[in-house]
Protein backbone atom coordinates (compact mmCIF):
# COMPACT_ATOMS: atom_id res chain seq x y z
CA MET A 1 -14.08 -9.11 -8.73
CA ALA A 2 -11.21 -6.84 -7.75
CA GLU A 3 -8.37 -6.24 -10.17
CA VAL A 4 -4.87 -7.43 -9.30
CA HIS A 5 -2.06 -5.41 -10.89
CA GLU A 6 1.41 -6.97 -10.77
CA ILE A 7 3.81 -4.17 -11.72
CA LYS A 8 6.76 -5.68 -13.55
CA HIS A 9 8.71 -2.53 -14.39
CA PRO A 10 12.47 -3.39 -14.64
CA LEU A 11 13.50 -0.70 -12.13
CA ILE A 12 10.99 -1.96 -9.58
CA GLN A 13 12.09 -5.56 -10.06
CA HIS A 14 15.77 -4.62 -9.72
CA LYS A 15 15.15 -2.75 -6.48
CA LEU A 16 12.94 -5.56 -5.18
CA THR A 17 15.79 -8.03 -5.66
CA LEU A 18 18.07 -5.81 -3.56
CA LEU A 19 15.32 -5.56 -0.95
CA ARG A 20 15.04 -9.35 -0.67
CA MET A 21 18.76 -9.90 -0.03
CA LYS A 22 19.42 -10.74 3.62
CA GLU A 23 22.68 -8.75 3.65
CA THR A 24 20.91 -5.48 2.70
CA GLU A 25 21.48 -3.10 5.61
CA PRO A 26 18.56 -1.26 7.27
CA TRP A 27 19.43 2.17 5.87
CA LEU A 28 19.43 0.79 2.31
CA PHE A 29 16.35 -1.33 3.00
CA ARG A 30 14.42 1.80 4.05
CA GLN A 31 15.60 3.68 0.96
CA LEU A 32 14.55 0.83 -1.34
CA VAL A 33 11.08 0.56 0.22
CA ASN A 34 10.67 4.30 -0.30
CA GLU A 35 11.85 4.17 -3.92
CA ILE A 36 9.75 1.13 -4.89
CA THR A 37 6.66 2.74 -3.39
CA TYR A 38 7.31 5.94 -5.33
CA LEU A 39 7.67 4.03 -8.60
CA MET A 40 4.59 1.87 -7.98
CA LEU A 41 2.42 4.93 -7.49
CA TYR A 42 2.47 5.75 -11.19
CA GLU A 43 0.41 2.60 -11.81
CA GLY A 44 -1.39 2.63 -8.49
CA THR A 45 -2.87 6.08 -9.09
CA ARG A 46 -3.73 5.64 -12.76
CA ASN A 47 -7.45 5.53 -11.99
CA LEU A 48 -7.61 8.85 -10.10
CA ARG A 49 -10.16 11.31 -11.47
CA THR A 50 -9.27 14.75 -12.83
CA THR A 51 -11.26 17.88 -13.51
CA LEU A 52 -10.54 20.89 -15.74
CA VAL A 53 -9.75 24.30 -14.28
CA LYS A 54 -9.01 27.57 -16.01
CA ILE A 55 -5.43 28.77 -15.54
CA SER A 56 -3.20 31.46 -16.97
CA THR A 57 0.11 30.46 -18.49
CA PRO A 58 2.70 33.16 -19.33
CA LEU A 59 1.13 33.23 -22.80
CA GLU A 60 -2.62 32.72 -22.45
CA GLU A 61 -5.54 31.30 -20.52
CA THR A 62 -6.30 27.60 -20.95
CA ASN A 63 -8.22 24.75 -19.39
CA ALA A 64 -5.98 22.17 -17.72
CA PRO A 65 -6.56 19.02 -15.63
CA ILE A 66 -5.98 18.76 -11.89
CA LEU A 67 -6.82 15.93 -9.50
CA ALA A 68 -10.46 15.85 -8.49
CA ASP A 69 -10.18 13.11 -5.86
CA GLU A 70 -9.47 13.65 -2.19
CA ILE A 71 -6.61 11.24 -1.51
CA VAL A 72 -6.17 9.53 1.85
CA ILE A 73 -3.08 7.40 2.54
CA VAL A 74 -3.43 4.83 5.31
CA PRO A 75 -0.22 3.01 6.26
CA ILE A 76 -0.61 -0.02 8.48
CA LEU A 77 1.72 0.15 11.48
CA ARG A 78 4.60 -0.62 11.70
CA ALA A 79 5.86 -1.58 8.30
CA GLY A 80 3.50 0.61 6.28
CA VAL A 81 5.20 3.69 7.74
CA GLY A 82 8.24 2.80 5.65
CA MET A 83 6.17 3.45 2.51
CA LEU A 84 4.74 6.80 3.62
CA ASP A 85 7.55 9.06 2.38
CA GLY A 86 7.27 7.51 -1.07
CA PHE A 87 3.58 8.44 -1.17
CA LEU A 88 4.00 11.97 0.16
CA ARG A 89 6.89 12.80 -2.17
CA LEU A 90 4.51 12.31 -5.09
CA MET A 91 1.26 13.39 -3.41
CA PRO A 92 2.08 15.96 -0.71
CA MET A 93 -1.56 17.09 -0.73
CA ALA A 94 -2.78 13.72 0.56
CA ARG A 95 -4.32 13.31 3.98
CA VAL A 96 -2.89 10.55 6.17
CA GLY A 97 -4.49 8.11 8.57
CA PHE A 98 -2.95 5.28 10.58
CA LEU A 99 -4.12 1.80 11.50
CA GLY A 100 -2.31 -0.42 13.97
CA PHE A 101 -2.64 -4.20 14.07
CA ARG A 102 -0.47 -6.81 15.72
CA ARG A 103 -0.45 -10.39 14.54
CA ASN A 104 -1.28 -13.12 17.01
CA GLU A 105 1.54 -15.57 16.34
CA ASP A 106 -0.62 -18.54 17.41
CA THR A 107 -3.77 -17.83 15.39
CA LEU A 108 -2.13 -15.59 12.72
CA GLU A 109 -5.16 -13.29 13.13
CA PRO A 110 -4.75 -9.48 13.36
CA GLU A 111 -5.48 -7.69 16.61
CA GLU A 112 -6.38 -3.99 16.32
CA TYR A 113 -4.63 -1.61 18.70
CA TYR A 114 -4.71 1.84 17.02
CA VAL A 115 -7.08 3.74 14.70
CA LYS A 116 -6.57 7.37 13.66
CA LEU A 117 -8.29 8.34 10.41
CA PRO A 118 -9.28 11.64 8.79
CA GLU A 119 -12.95 12.12 7.99
CA LEU A 120 -13.91 9.79 5.14
CA ASN A 121 -16.82 9.71 2.73
CA SER A 122 -17.92 7.64 -0.25
CA GLU A 123 -15.84 9.79 -2.63
CA SER A 124 -12.56 9.61 -0.68
CA ARG A 125 -9.84 7.69 -2.56
CA VAL A 126 -8.20 5.61 0.15
CA ILE A 127 -4.89 3.86 -0.49
CA ILE A 128 -3.81 1.32 2.12
CA ALA A 129 -0.04 0.93 2.39
CA ASP A 130 1.21 -2.44 3.65
CA PRO A 131 4.48 -3.86 2.27
CA MET A 132 3.44 -7.51 2.71
CA LEU A 133 0.06 -8.94 1.72
CA ALA A 134 0.55 -12.33 3.36
CA THR A 135 -2.52 -14.12 4.76
CA GLY A 136 -4.57 -11.03 3.97
CA GLY A 137 -5.96 -10.92 7.50
CA THR A 138 -4.49 -7.53 8.42
CA VAL A 139 -5.50 -5.87 5.16
CA ILE A 140 -9.02 -7.33 5.41
CA ALA A 141 -9.30 -5.93 8.94
CA ALA A 142 -8.00 -2.55 7.69
CA VAL A 143 -10.61 -2.43 4.91
CA ASP A 144 -13.30 -3.34 7.45
CA VAL A 145 -12.29 -0.35 9.61
CA ILE A 146 -12.11 2.07 6.66
CA LYS A 147 -15.55 1.03 5.39
CA LYS A 148 -16.93 1.39 8.92
CA HIS A 149 -15.66 5.00 8.86
CA GLY A 150 -17.31 5.77 5.52
CA GLY A 151 -14.61 4.95 2.95
CA ARG A 152 -15.75 3.06 -0.15
CA LYS A 153 -13.12 3.59 -2.88
CA ILE A 154 -10.16 1.62 -1.58
CA ASP A 155 -6.96 0.33 -3.18
CA ILE A 156 -4.12 -1.69 -1.65
CA ILE A 157 -0.46 -1.10 -2.51
CA SER A 158 1.88 -3.87 -1.32
CA LEU A 159 5.44 -4.61 -2.34
CA ILE A 160 4.95 -8.38 -2.17
CA ALA A 161 1.73 -10.42 -2.17
CA SER A 162 0.93 -14.10 -1.76
CA PRO A 163 -1.67 -16.02 -3.81
CA GLU A 164 -3.44 -16.93 -0.57
CA GLY A 165 -3.64 -13.32 0.59
CA ILE A 166 -5.04 -12.14 -2.74
CA LYS A 167 -7.65 -14.91 -2.69
CA ASN A 168 -8.70 -14.13 0.89
CA LEU A 169 -8.98 -10.39 0.23
CA ASN A 170 -10.97 -10.97 -2.97
CA ARG A 171 -13.36 -13.25 -1.13
CA LYS A 172 -14.07 -10.71 1.63
CA HIS A 173 -13.72 -7.43 -0.30
CA PRO A 174 -14.08 -8.01 -4.07
CA ASP A 175 -14.37 -4.26 -4.66
CA VAL A 176 -10.80 -3.50 -3.50
CA ASN A 177 -8.04 -3.39 -6.13
CA ILE A 178 -4.54 -4.67 -5.41
CA TYR A 179 -1.26 -3.24 -6.73
CA THR A 180 1.89 -5.24 -6.02
CA ALA A 181 5.42 -5.50 -7.36
CA THR A 182 5.28 -9.29 -7.32
CA ILE A 183 3.11 -12.27 -6.41
CA ASP A 184 5.37 -14.71 -4.59
CA ARG A 185 5.08 -18.50 -4.51
CA GLU A 186 3.26 -19.32 -1.27
CA LEU A 187 2.89 -18.91 2.48
CA ASP A 188 4.76 -21.16 4.88
CA GLU A 189 3.31 -22.75 8.01
CA ARG A 190 3.95 -19.56 10.01
CA GLY A 191 2.14 -17.36 7.50
CA TYR A 192 5.31 -15.82 6.03
CA ILE A 193 5.58 -15.19 2.30
CA ARG A 194 8.06 -17.39 0.41
CA PRO A 195 10.59 -16.53 -0.93
CA GLY A 196 9.64 -13.13 0.52
CA LEU A 197 12.06 -10.84 2.31
CA GLY A 198 11.59 -11.69 5.97
CA ASP A 199 9.85 -9.45 8.50
CA CYS A 200 9.61 -6.09 6.77
CA GLY A 201 9.03 -4.11 9.97
CA ASP A 202 12.06 -5.61 11.70
CA ARG A 203 14.25 -4.94 8.68
CA LEU A 204 13.01 -1.38 8.30
CA PHE A 205 13.53 -0.40 11.92
CA TRP A 206 16.44 -2.67 12.85
CA THR A 207 14.58 -4.59 15.52
CA ILE A 208 15.80 -8.02 14.36
């Protein structure tokens, strides 16, 4: 069974409250998404592997750890793009892929429209960025695509998750770990997270 990590750091929770507020303007909303993502990465990358290399400090030679994993960040369009800067500020060496899905508002099922991924293998550490883990349908479809392209070590980082989305993802992909700032109460009849923060993509890009 996959692990679910709810990151309750006070700074993250404070910024998440500001993010939820309907009066938060788009420029601040984008900044908060970026900052929360950056802070969540400390927990979300705790399981990355390191290896020792020999280096020279100003005083002597020593063995020191560096990252051994090849990191691939995959934001889900559109809203996942708002998290990308937060990732790259901390991990500028990461490779980046993109997956595009649109939600059918009648069936609530994801419809794929764009796939652009770097070459993946079983050792690639793939982090999917999607601010809202709602029904789980889009993330499940994203994991399906990544596994089809050779990725096996996959984590999800979402700002907000629903119990239903976590359950659905665990049922389909029990090997994928989830990192989220909060698990909200429920989904409504339209598949939106409650209390949530509304449509993250619309709020990020001012298309309300």
